[in-house]
Amino acid sequence: MNKTIFITGATAGFGKATAQLFAKKKWDLVLTGRRKERLEDLKQDLEKEGVKVTTLNFDVRDFEEAKKSIESLPKDITESIAVLVNNAGLAAGKDSIDEGKLEDWNTMIDTNIKGLLNVSKLVIPILKENKVGHIINIGSIAGKDVYPKGNVYCATKFAVDALTQSMRIDLLPYNIKVSNVAPGAAETEFSNVRFKGDKQLAADTYKGYSPLLAQDIAETIEFIVNRPAHVMINEIVIMPSAQASSNHFFKK
């Protein structure tokens, strides 16, 4: 029986690249996302690798919706789940704290913190039942080092860092590893979402240097997952070579 990896936010960016890489490595997949059409297109594409792909269409912010979807998984899938990648997350807006929009704050807090908690609460019992597992939370350099106008987004990623450390302690008796992957600047849909579709503003974010690609993060996740059973990678902070901190870049 193939192992199964459960990936949230799988329709783009890090989640999609991770799904593609693990499918090539012959892992079965459970993929979640809000965009049903994209999920189905990805499912059809990945099934060409000869693996089983199950899609769950829900918003991680909605616990009851997530619960209904995850509880619909058949036993043959749940008993093979070995890895959870809490990837779903976003930034909304980039304003000083006094000018921040409540809607943006709530979207980030509900997705990046509550969404991670919602899915974890539902999947951890499955991993405990399987008596083995690995949870990988996708954090950010913004969870290590704040930057101007990053306020609430940074706060949510600091929370991911703290939750990862706490989860690692709480789940130690159950043979469940917990890792944090904290990327720096990466060219995905991230900036396009943050700037609400302003493609020029999003493109300017990566001007003058080579940012990380989604594939870089997928390969990092694969490395972590494939360490021997006695090895625990607590955290990997990964940035492009032109970046030294969340706010320090060398741009040409």
C-alpha atoms as a PDB file:
ATOM      1  CA  MET A   1       0.000   0.000   0.000  1.00  0.00           C
ATOM      2  CA  ASN A   2       1.340   3.410  -0.959  1.00  0.00           C
ATOM      3  CA  LYS A   3       1.776   6.052   1.708  1.00  0.00           C
ATOM      4  CA  THR A   4      -0.545   9.053   1.452  1.00  0.00           C
ATOM      5  CA  ILE A   5       0.337  12.716   1.875  1.00  0.00           C
ATOM      6  CA  PHE A   6      -2.416  15.181   2.854  1.00  0.00           C
ATOM      7  CA  ILE A   7      -1.812  18.698   1.484  1.00  0.00           C
ATOM      8  CA  THR A   8      -3.925  21.790   2.166  1.00  0.00           C
ATOM      9  CA  GLY A   9      -4.007  24.682  -0.293  1.00  0.00           C
ATOM     10  CA  ALA A  10      -2.950  22.334  -3.081  1.00  0.00           C
ATOM     11  CA  THR A  11      -4.246  24.252  -6.090  1.00  0.00           C
ATOM     12  CA  ALA A  12      -1.268  26.610  -6.456  1.00  0.00           C
ATOM     13  CA  GLY A  13       2.189  27.525  -5.240  1.00  0.00           C
ATOM     14  CA  PHE A  14       3.967  25.365  -2.682  1.00  0.00           C
ATOM     15  CA  GLY A  15       1.010  23.004  -2.293  1.00  0.00           C
ATOM     16  CA  LYS A  16       0.694  22.246  -5.991  1.00  0.00           C
ATOM     17  CA  ALA A  17       4.456  21.791  -6.454  1.00  0.00           C
ATOM     18  CA  THR A  18       4.563  19.449  -3.448  1.00  0.00           C
ATOM     19  CA  ALA A  19       1.676  17.405  -4.831  1.00  0.00           C
ATOM     20  CA  GLN A  20       3.394  17.114  -8.198  1.00  0.00           C
ATOM     21  CA  LEU A  21       6.709  16.029  -6.671  1.00  0.00           C
ATOM     22  CA  PHE A  22       5.202  13.426  -4.340  1.00  0.00           C
ATOM     23  CA  ALA A  23       3.051  12.020  -7.147  1.00  0.00           C
ATOM     24  CA  LYS A  24       6.231  11.448  -9.151  1.00  0.00           C
ATOM     25  CA  LYS A  25       7.643   9.645  -6.097  1.00  0.00           C
ATOM     26  CA  LYS A  26       4.548   7.399  -6.171  1.00  0.00           C
ATOM     27  CA  TRP A  27       2.821   8.690  -3.061  1.00  0.00           C
ATOM     28  CA  ASP A  28      -0.967   8.731  -3.022  1.00  0.00           C
ATOM     29  CA  LEU A  29      -2.464  12.144  -2.274  1.00  0.00           C
ATOM     30  CA  VAL A  30      -5.315  13.857  -0.474  1.00  0.00           C
ATOM     31  CA  LEU A  31      -5.508  17.405  -1.785  1.00  0.00           C
ATOM     32  CA  THR A  32      -7.645  20.219  -0.401  1.00  0.00           C
ATOM     33  CA  GLY A  33      -8.502  23.630  -1.777  1.00  0.00           C
ATOM     34  CA  ARG A  34     -11.240  26.199  -2.211  1.00  0.00           C
ATOM     35  CA  ARG A  35     -11.166  26.176  -6.019  1.00  0.00           C
ATOM     36  CA  LYS A  36     -12.957  22.997  -7.074  1.00  0.00           C
ATOM     37  CA  GLU A  37     -12.195  23.255 -10.792  1.00  0.00           C
ATOM     38  CA  ARG A  38      -8.470  23.640 -10.145  1.00  0.00           C
ATOM     39  CA  LEU A  39      -8.557  20.679  -7.772  1.00  0.00           C
ATOM     40  CA  GLU A  40     -10.172  18.460 -10.370  1.00  0.00           C
ATOM     41  CA  ASP A  41      -7.733  19.558 -13.086  1.00  0.00           C
ATOM     42  CA  LEU A  42      -4.819  18.789 -10.760  1.00  0.00           C
ATOM     43  CA  LYS A  43      -6.310  15.410  -9.862  1.00  0.00           C
ATOM     44  CA  GLN A  44      -6.554  14.405 -13.526  1.00  0.00           C
ATOM     45  CA  ASP A  45      -3.002  15.535 -14.183  1.00  0.00           C
ATOM     46  CA  LEU A  46      -1.472  13.734 -11.202  1.00  0.00           C
ATOM     47  CA  GLU A  47      -3.352  10.495 -11.774  1.00  0.00           C
ATOM     48  CA  LYS A  48      -1.259  10.096 -14.918  1.00  0.00           C
ATOM     49  CA  GLU A  49       1.589   9.211 -12.539  1.00  0.00           C
ATOM     50  CA  GLY A  50      -0.332   6.089 -11.559  1.00  0.00           C
ATOM     51  CA  VAL A  51      -1.181   7.231  -8.039  1.00  0.00           C
ATOM     52  CA  LYS A  52      -4.470   7.611  -6.200  1.00  0.00           C
ATOM     53  CA  VAL A  53      -5.613  11.209  -5.820  1.00  0.00           C
ATOM     54  CA  THR A  54      -8.495  12.232  -3.556  1.00  0.00           C
ATOM     55  CA  THR A  55      -9.715  15.835  -3.575  1.00  0.00           C
ATOM     56  CA  LEU A  56     -11.562  17.628  -0.775  1.00  0.00           C
ATOM     57  CA  ASN A  57     -13.149  20.958  -1.660  1.00  0.00           C
ATOM     58  CA  PHE A  58     -13.392  23.117   1.478  1.00  0.00           C
ATOM     59  CA  ASP A  59     -12.117  26.318   3.073  1.00  0.00           C
ATOM     60  CA  VAL A  60      -9.769  25.614   6.002  1.00  0.00           C
ATOM     61  CA  ARG A  61     -11.350  28.540   7.880  1.00  0.00           C
ATOM     62  CA  ASP A  62     -14.633  26.624   8.187  1.00  0.00           C
ATOM     63  CA  PHE A  63     -14.185  23.877  10.787  1.00  0.00           C
ATOM     64  CA  GLU A  64     -17.535  22.183  10.187  1.00  0.00           C
ATOM     65  CA  GLU A  65     -16.977  22.112   6.440  1.00  0.00           C
ATOM     66  CA  ALA A  66     -13.474  20.710   6.939  1.00  0.00           C
ATOM     67  CA  LYS A  67     -14.791  18.131   9.432  1.00  0.00           C
ATOM     68  CA  LYS A  68     -17.469  16.919   7.037  1.00  0.00           C
ATOM     69  CA  SER A  69     -14.972  16.589   4.184  1.00  0.00           C
ATOM     70  CA  ILE A  70     -12.221  14.840   6.144  1.00  0.00           C
ATOM     71  CA  GLU A  71     -14.655  12.465   7.852  1.00  0.00           C
ATOM     72  CA  SER A  72     -15.904  11.436   4.390  1.00  0.00           C
ATOM     73  CA  LEU A  73     -12.536   9.805   3.624  1.00  0.00           C
ATOM     74  CA  PRO A  74     -12.761   6.000   3.429  1.00  0.00           C
ATOM     75  CA  LYS A  75     -10.753   3.881   5.850  1.00  0.00           C
ATOM     76  CA  ASP A  76      -8.345   2.604   3.202  1.00  0.00           C
ATOM     77  CA  ILE A  77      -7.220   6.193   2.634  1.00  0.00           C
ATOM     78  CA  THR A  78      -7.086   7.362   6.256  1.00  0.00           C
ATOM     79  CA  GLU A  79      -5.060   4.343   7.365  1.00  0.00           C
ATOM     80  CA  SER A  80      -2.399   5.203   4.768  1.00  0.00           C
ATOM     81  CA  ILE A  81      -2.024   8.912   5.668  1.00  0.00           C
ATOM     82  CA  ALA A  82       1.551   9.436   6.841  1.00  0.00           C
ATOM     83  CA  VAL A  83       2.167  13.146   6.245  1.00  0.00           C
ATOM     84  CA  LEU A  84       0.114  16.311   6.691  1.00  0.00           C
ATOM     85  CA  VAL A  85       1.349  19.484   5.012  1.00  0.00           C
ATOM     86  CA  ASN A  86      -0.397  22.544   6.462  1.00  0.00           C
ATOM     87  CA  ASN A  87       0.269  24.744   3.465  1.00  0.00           C
ATOM     88  CA  ALA A  88      -2.902  26.827   3.115  1.00  0.00           C
ATOM     89  CA  GLY A  89      -2.073  30.422   3.988  1.00  0.00           C
ATOM     90  CA  LEU A  90      -1.918  33.925   2.601  1.00  0.00           C
ATOM     91  CA  ALA A  91      -1.080  37.581   3.082  1.00  0.00           C
ATOM     92  CA  ALA A  92      -3.760  40.201   2.530  1.00  0.00           C
ATOM     93  CA  GLY A  93      -2.678  43.809   2.075  1.00  0.00           C
ATOM     94  CA  LYS A  94       0.481  45.540   3.194  1.00  0.00           C
ATOM     95  CA  ASP A  95      -0.453  48.497   5.378  1.00  0.00           C
ATOM     96  CA  SER A  96       0.939  50.169   8.468  1.00  0.00           C
ATOM     97  CA  ILE A  97      -0.783  48.975  11.630  1.00  0.00           C
ATOM     98  CA  ASP A  98      -2.854  52.170  11.951  1.00  0.00           C
ATOM     99  CA  GLU A  99      -4.168  51.843   8.399  1.00  0.00           C
ATOM    100  CA  GLY A 100      -4.721  48.077   8.317  1.00  0.00           C
ATOM    101  CA  LYS A 101      -8.095  46.764   7.213  1.00  0.00           C
ATOM    102  CA  LEU A 102     -10.065  44.574   9.611  1.00  0.00           C
ATOM    103  CA  GLU A 103     -11.166  42.352   6.746  1.00  0.00           C
ATOM    104  CA  ASP A 104      -7.542  41.669   5.808  1.00  0.00           C
ATOM    105  CA  TRP A 105      -6.572  40.995   9.417  1.00  0.00           C
ATOM    106  CA  ASN A 106      -9.424  38.537   9.918  1.00  0.00           C
ATOM    107  CA  THR A 107      -8.691  36.749   6.646  1.00  0.00           C
ATOM    108  CA  MET A 108      -5.044  36.199   7.596  1.00  0.00           C
ATOM    109  CA  ILE A 109      -5.758  35.173  11.185  1.00  0.00           C
ATOM    110  CA  ASP A 110      -8.602  32.838  10.207  1.00  0.00           C
ATOM    111  CA  THR A 111      -6.613  31.198   7.399  1.00  0.00           C
ATOM    112  CA  ASN A 112      -3.040  31.109   8.680  1.00  0.00           C
ATOM    113  CA  ILE A 113      -3.742  30.285  12.322  1.00  0.00           C
ATOM    114  CA  LYS A 114      -7.267  28.955  12.705  1.00  0.00           C
ATOM    115  CA  GLY A 115      -7.136  27.096   9.393  1.00  0.00           C
ATOM    116  CA  LEU A 116      -3.960  25.295  10.434  1.00  0.00           C
ATOM    117  CA  LEU A 117      -5.535  24.436  13.796  1.00  0.00           C
ATOM    118  CA  ASN A 118      -8.780  23.242  12.209  1.00  0.00           C
ATOM    119  CA  VAL A 119      -7.116  20.792   9.833  1.00  0.00           C
ATOM    120  CA  SER A 120      -4.563  19.652  12.399  1.00  0.00           C
ATOM    121  CA  LYS A 121      -7.313  18.891  14.941  1.00  0.00           C
ATOM    122  CA  LEU A 122      -9.045  16.693  12.372  1.00  0.00           C
ATOM    123  CA  VAL A 123      -6.005  14.896  10.965  1.00  0.00           C
ATOM    124  CA  ILE A 124      -3.991  14.327  14.162  1.00  0.00           C
ATOM    125  CA  PRO A 125      -6.414  11.614  15.392  1.00  0.00           C
ATOM    126  CA  ILE A 126      -5.829   9.801  12.098  1.00  0.00           C
ATOM    127  CA  LEU A 127      -2.053   9.953  12.547  1.00  0.00           C
ATOM    128  CA  LYS A 128      -2.385   8.802  16.178  1.00  0.00           C
ATOM    129  CA  GLU A 129      -4.484   5.854  15.042  1.00  0.00           C
ATOM    130  CA  ASN A 130      -1.839   5.016  12.438  1.00  0.00           C
ATOM    131  CA  LYS A 131       0.829   5.248  15.169  1.00  0.00           C
ATOM    132  CA  VAL A 132       3.153   7.198  12.894  1.00  0.00           C
ATOM    133  CA  GLY A 133       3.097  10.514  11.103  1.00  0.00           C
ATOM    134  CA  HIS A 134       4.738  13.775  10.191  1.00  0.00           C
ATOM    135  CA  ILE A 135       3.171  17.231  10.204  1.00  0.00           C
ATOM    136  CA  ILE A 136       4.878  19.937   8.192  1.00  0.00           C
ATOM    137  CA  ASN A 137       3.683  23.481   8.798  1.00  0.00           C
ATOM    138  CA  ILE A 138       4.525  26.047   6.160  1.00  0.00           C
ATOM    139  CA  GLY A 139       5.667  29.096   8.065  1.00  0.00           C
ATOM    140  CA  SER A 140       7.705  31.999   6.738  1.00  0.00           C
ATOM    141  CA  ILE A 141      10.795  34.101   7.326  1.00  0.00           C
ATOM    142  CA  ALA A 142       8.083  36.562   8.430  1.00  0.00           C
ATOM    143  CA  GLY A 143       7.612  34.279  11.433  1.00  0.00           C
ATOM    144  CA  LYS A 144      11.223  34.888  12.440  1.00  0.00           C
ATOM    145  CA  ASP A 145      11.816  38.513  11.534  1.00  0.00           C
ATOM    146  CA  VAL A 146       9.258  41.296  11.117  1.00  0.00           C
ATOM    147  CA  TYR A 147       9.336  43.868   8.357  1.00  0.00           C
ATOM    148  CA  PRO A 148       7.645  47.231   7.719  1.00  0.00           C
ATOM    149  CA  LYS A 149       3.910  46.918   7.103  1.00  0.00           C
ATOM    150  CA  GLY A 150       4.059  43.171   7.687  1.00  0.00           C
ATOM    151  CA  ASN A 151       2.487  43.452  11.181  1.00  0.00           C
ATOM    152  CA  VAL A 152      -0.487  41.051  11.226  1.00  0.00           C
ATOM    153  CA  TYR A 153       0.876  38.700   8.573  1.00  0.00           C
ATOM    154  CA  CYS A 154       4.112  38.425  10.557  1.00  0.00           C
ATOM    155  CA  ALA A 155       2.089  37.826  13.725  1.00  0.00           C
ATOM    156  CA  THR A 156       0.268  34.908  12.109  1.00  0.00           C
ATOM    157  CA  LYS A 157       3.534  33.319  10.999  1.00  0.00           C
ATOM    158  CA  PHE A 158       5.096  33.816  14.436  1.00  0.00           C
ATOM    159  CA  ALA A 159       2.027  31.924  15.670  1.00  0.00           C
ATOM    160  CA  VAL A 160       2.722  29.104  13.195  1.00  0.00           C
ATOM    161  CA  ASP A 161       6.267  28.891  14.556  1.00  0.00           C
ATOM    162  CA  ALA A 162       5.018  28.710  18.157  1.00  0.00           C
ATOM    163  CA  LEU A 163       2.325  26.181  17.296  1.00  0.00           C
ATOM    164  CA  THR A 164       4.858  23.983  15.532  1.00  0.00           C
ATOM    165  CA  GLN A 165       7.081  23.904  18.606  1.00  0.00           C
ATOM    166  CA  SER A 166       4.117  23.208  20.893  1.00  0.00           C
ATOM    167  CA  MET A 167       2.712  20.503  18.630  1.00  0.00           C
ATOM    168  CA  ARG A 168       6.107  18.791  18.547  1.00  0.00           C
ATOM    169  CA  ILE A 169       6.077  18.533  22.359  1.00  0.00           C
ATOM    170  CA  ASP A 170       2.438  17.432  22.634  1.00  0.00           C
ATOM    171  CA  LEU A 171       2.708  14.781  19.910  1.00  0.00           C
ATOM    172  CA  LEU A 172       6.073  13.348  20.932  1.00  0.00           C
ATOM    173  CA  PRO A 173       4.512  10.344  22.729  1.00  0.00           C
ATOM    174  CA  TYR A 174       2.599   9.379  19.565  1.00  0.00           C
ATOM    175  CA  ASN A 175       5.534   8.995  17.167  1.00  0.00           C
ATOM    176  CA  ILE A 176       4.396  12.073  15.213  1.00  0.00           C
ATOM    177  CA  LYS A 177       7.112  14.418  13.998  1.00  0.00           C
ATOM    178  CA  VAL A 178       6.375  18.132  13.515  1.00  0.00           C
ATOM    179  CA  SER A 179       8.474  20.419  11.313  1.00  0.00           C
ATOM    180  CA  ASN A 180       8.400  24.064  10.276  1.00  0.00           C
ATOM    181  CA  VAL A 181       9.456  25.145   6.788  1.00  0.00           C
ATOM    182  CA  ALA A 182      10.020  28.908   6.741  1.00  0.00           C
ATOM    183  CA  PRO A 183      10.553  30.257   3.204  1.00  0.00           C
ATOM    184  CA  GLY A 184      11.819  33.685   2.317  1.00  0.00           C
ATOM    185  CA  ALA A 185      10.808  35.476  -0.878  1.00  0.00           C
ATOM    186  CA  ALA A 186       9.239  33.014  -3.299  1.00  0.00           C
ATOM    187  CA  GLU A 187       7.568  33.772  -6.605  1.00  0.00           C
ATOM    188  CA  THR A 188       4.147  32.129  -6.471  1.00  0.00           C
ATOM    189  CA  GLU A 189       0.626  33.594  -6.402  1.00  0.00           C
ATOM    190  CA  PHE A 190       1.479  34.957  -2.938  1.00  0.00           C
ATOM    191  CA  SER A 191       2.136  38.586  -3.916  1.00  0.00           C
ATOM    192  CA  ASN A 192      -0.679  38.607  -6.457  1.00  0.00           C
ATOM    193  CA  VAL A 193      -3.065  37.601  -3.666  1.00  0.00           C
ATOM    194  CA  ARG A 194      -1.531  40.055  -1.191  1.00  0.00           C
ATOM    195  CA  PHE A 195      -1.938  42.951  -3.618  1.00  0.00           C
ATOM    196  CA  LYS A 196      -5.406  41.778  -4.683  1.00  0.00           C
ATOM    197  CA  GLY A 197      -4.669  41.111  -8.329  1.00  0.00           C
ATOM    198  CA  ASP A 198      -2.322  44.040  -8.998  1.00  0.00           C
ATOM    199  CA  LYS A 199       0.066  42.086 -11.226  1.00  0.00           C
ATOM    200  CA  GLN A 200       2.529  44.941 -11.646  1.00  0.00           C
ATOM    201  CA  LEU A 201       2.874  45.480  -7.930  1.00  0.00           C
ATOM    202  CA  ALA A 202       3.261  41.729  -7.453  1.00  0.00           C
ATOM    203  CA  ALA A 203       5.934  41.521 -10.169  1.00  0.00           C
ATOM    204  CA  ASP A 204       7.864  44.444  -8.672  1.00  0.00           C
ATOM    205  CA  THR A 205       8.285  42.415  -5.480  1.00  0.00           C
ATOM    206  CA  TYR A 206      10.717  40.105  -7.287  1.00  0.00           C
ATOM    207  CA  LYS A 207      12.465  42.637  -9.509  1.00  0.00           C
ATOM    208  CA  GLY A 208      16.268  42.665  -9.495  1.00  0.00           C
ATOM    209  CA  TYR A 209      16.928  39.230  -7.985  1.00  0.00           C
ATOM    210  CA  SER A 210      16.045  35.557  -8.378  1.00  0.00           C
ATOM    211  CA  PRO A 211      13.435  34.500  -5.789  1.00  0.00           C
ATOM    212  CA  LEU A 212      12.729  30.993  -4.599  1.00  0.00           C
ATOM    213  CA  LEU A 213      10.433  28.841  -6.707  1.00  0.00           C
ATOM    214  CA  ALA A 214       7.648  26.588  -5.472  1.00  0.00           C
ATOM    215  CA  GLN A 215       9.715  23.590  -6.542  1.00  0.00           C
ATOM    216  CA  ASP A 216      12.442  24.598  -4.058  1.00  0.00           C
ATOM    217  CA  ILE A 217       9.994  24.301  -1.179  1.00  0.00           C
ATOM    218  CA  ALA A 218       8.555  21.021  -2.474  1.00  0.00           C
ATOM    219  CA  GLU A 219      12.063  19.538  -2.576  1.00  0.00           C
ATOM    220  CA  THR A 220      12.707  20.780   0.972  1.00  0.00           C
ATOM    221  CA  ILE A 221       9.536  19.075   2.187  1.00  0.00           C
ATOM    222  CA  GLU A 222      10.542  15.856   0.450  1.00  0.00           C
ATOM    223  CA  PHE A 223      13.965  15.991   2.137  1.00  0.00           C
ATOM    224  CA  ILE A 224      12.391  16.404   5.576  1.00  0.00           C
ATOM    225  CA  VAL A 225       9.885  13.599   5.053  1.00  0.00           C
ATOM    226  CA  ASN A 226      12.517  11.144   3.852  1.00  0.00           C
ATOM    227  CA  ARG A 227      14.888  11.368   6.828  1.00  0.00           C
ATOM    228  CA  PRO A 228      15.365   8.125   8.774  1.00  0.00           C
ATOM    229  CA  ALA A 229      12.874   7.394  11.551  1.00  0.00           C
ATOM    230  CA  HIS A 230      15.325   8.461  14.262  1.00  0.00           C
ATOM    231  CA  VAL A 231      15.983  11.873  12.654  1.00  0.00           C
ATOM    232  CA  MET A 232      13.815  14.920  13.365  1.00  0.00           C
ATOM    233  CA  ILE A 233      14.231  18.080  11.271  1.00  0.00           C
ATOM    234  CA  ASN A 234      12.641  20.667  13.547  1.00  0.00           C
ATOM    235  CA  GLU A 235      12.907  23.565  11.153  1.00  0.00           C
ATOM    236  CA  ILE A 236      14.340  24.730   7.869  1.00  0.00           C
ATOM    237  CA  VAL A 237      14.612  28.442   7.072  1.00  0.00           C
ATOM    238  CA  ILE A 238      15.203  28.802   3.340  1.00  0.00           C
ATOM    239  CA  MET A 239      15.737  32.019   1.394  1.00  0.00           C
ATOM    240  CA  PRO A 240      16.994  33.024  -2.047  1.00  0.00           C
ATOM    241  CA  SER A 241      20.717  33.763  -2.111  1.00  0.00           C
ATOM    242  CA  ALA A 242      19.954  37.456  -2.672  1.00  0.00           C
ATOM    243  CA  GLN A 243      18.088  37.688   0.647  1.00  0.00           C
ATOM    244  CA  ALA A 244      19.665  37.956   4.103  1.00  0.00           C
ATOM    245  CA  SER A 245      16.576  38.653   6.251  1.00  0.00           C
ATOM    246  CA  SER A 246      12.918  39.437   5.751  1.00  0.00           C
ATOM    247  CA  ASN A 247      13.823  42.999   4.771  1.00  0.00           C
ATOM    248  CA  HIS A 248      17.368  42.798   3.384  1.00  0.00           C
ATOM    249  CA  PHE A 249      17.930  42.045  -0.298  1.00  0.00           C
ATOM    250  CA  PHE A 250      20.705  42.583  -2.826  1.00  0.00           C
ATOM    251  CA  LYS A 251      18.961  43.668  -5.986  1.00  0.00           C
ATOM    252  CA  LYS A 252      20.673  44.386  -9.290  1.00  0.00           C
END
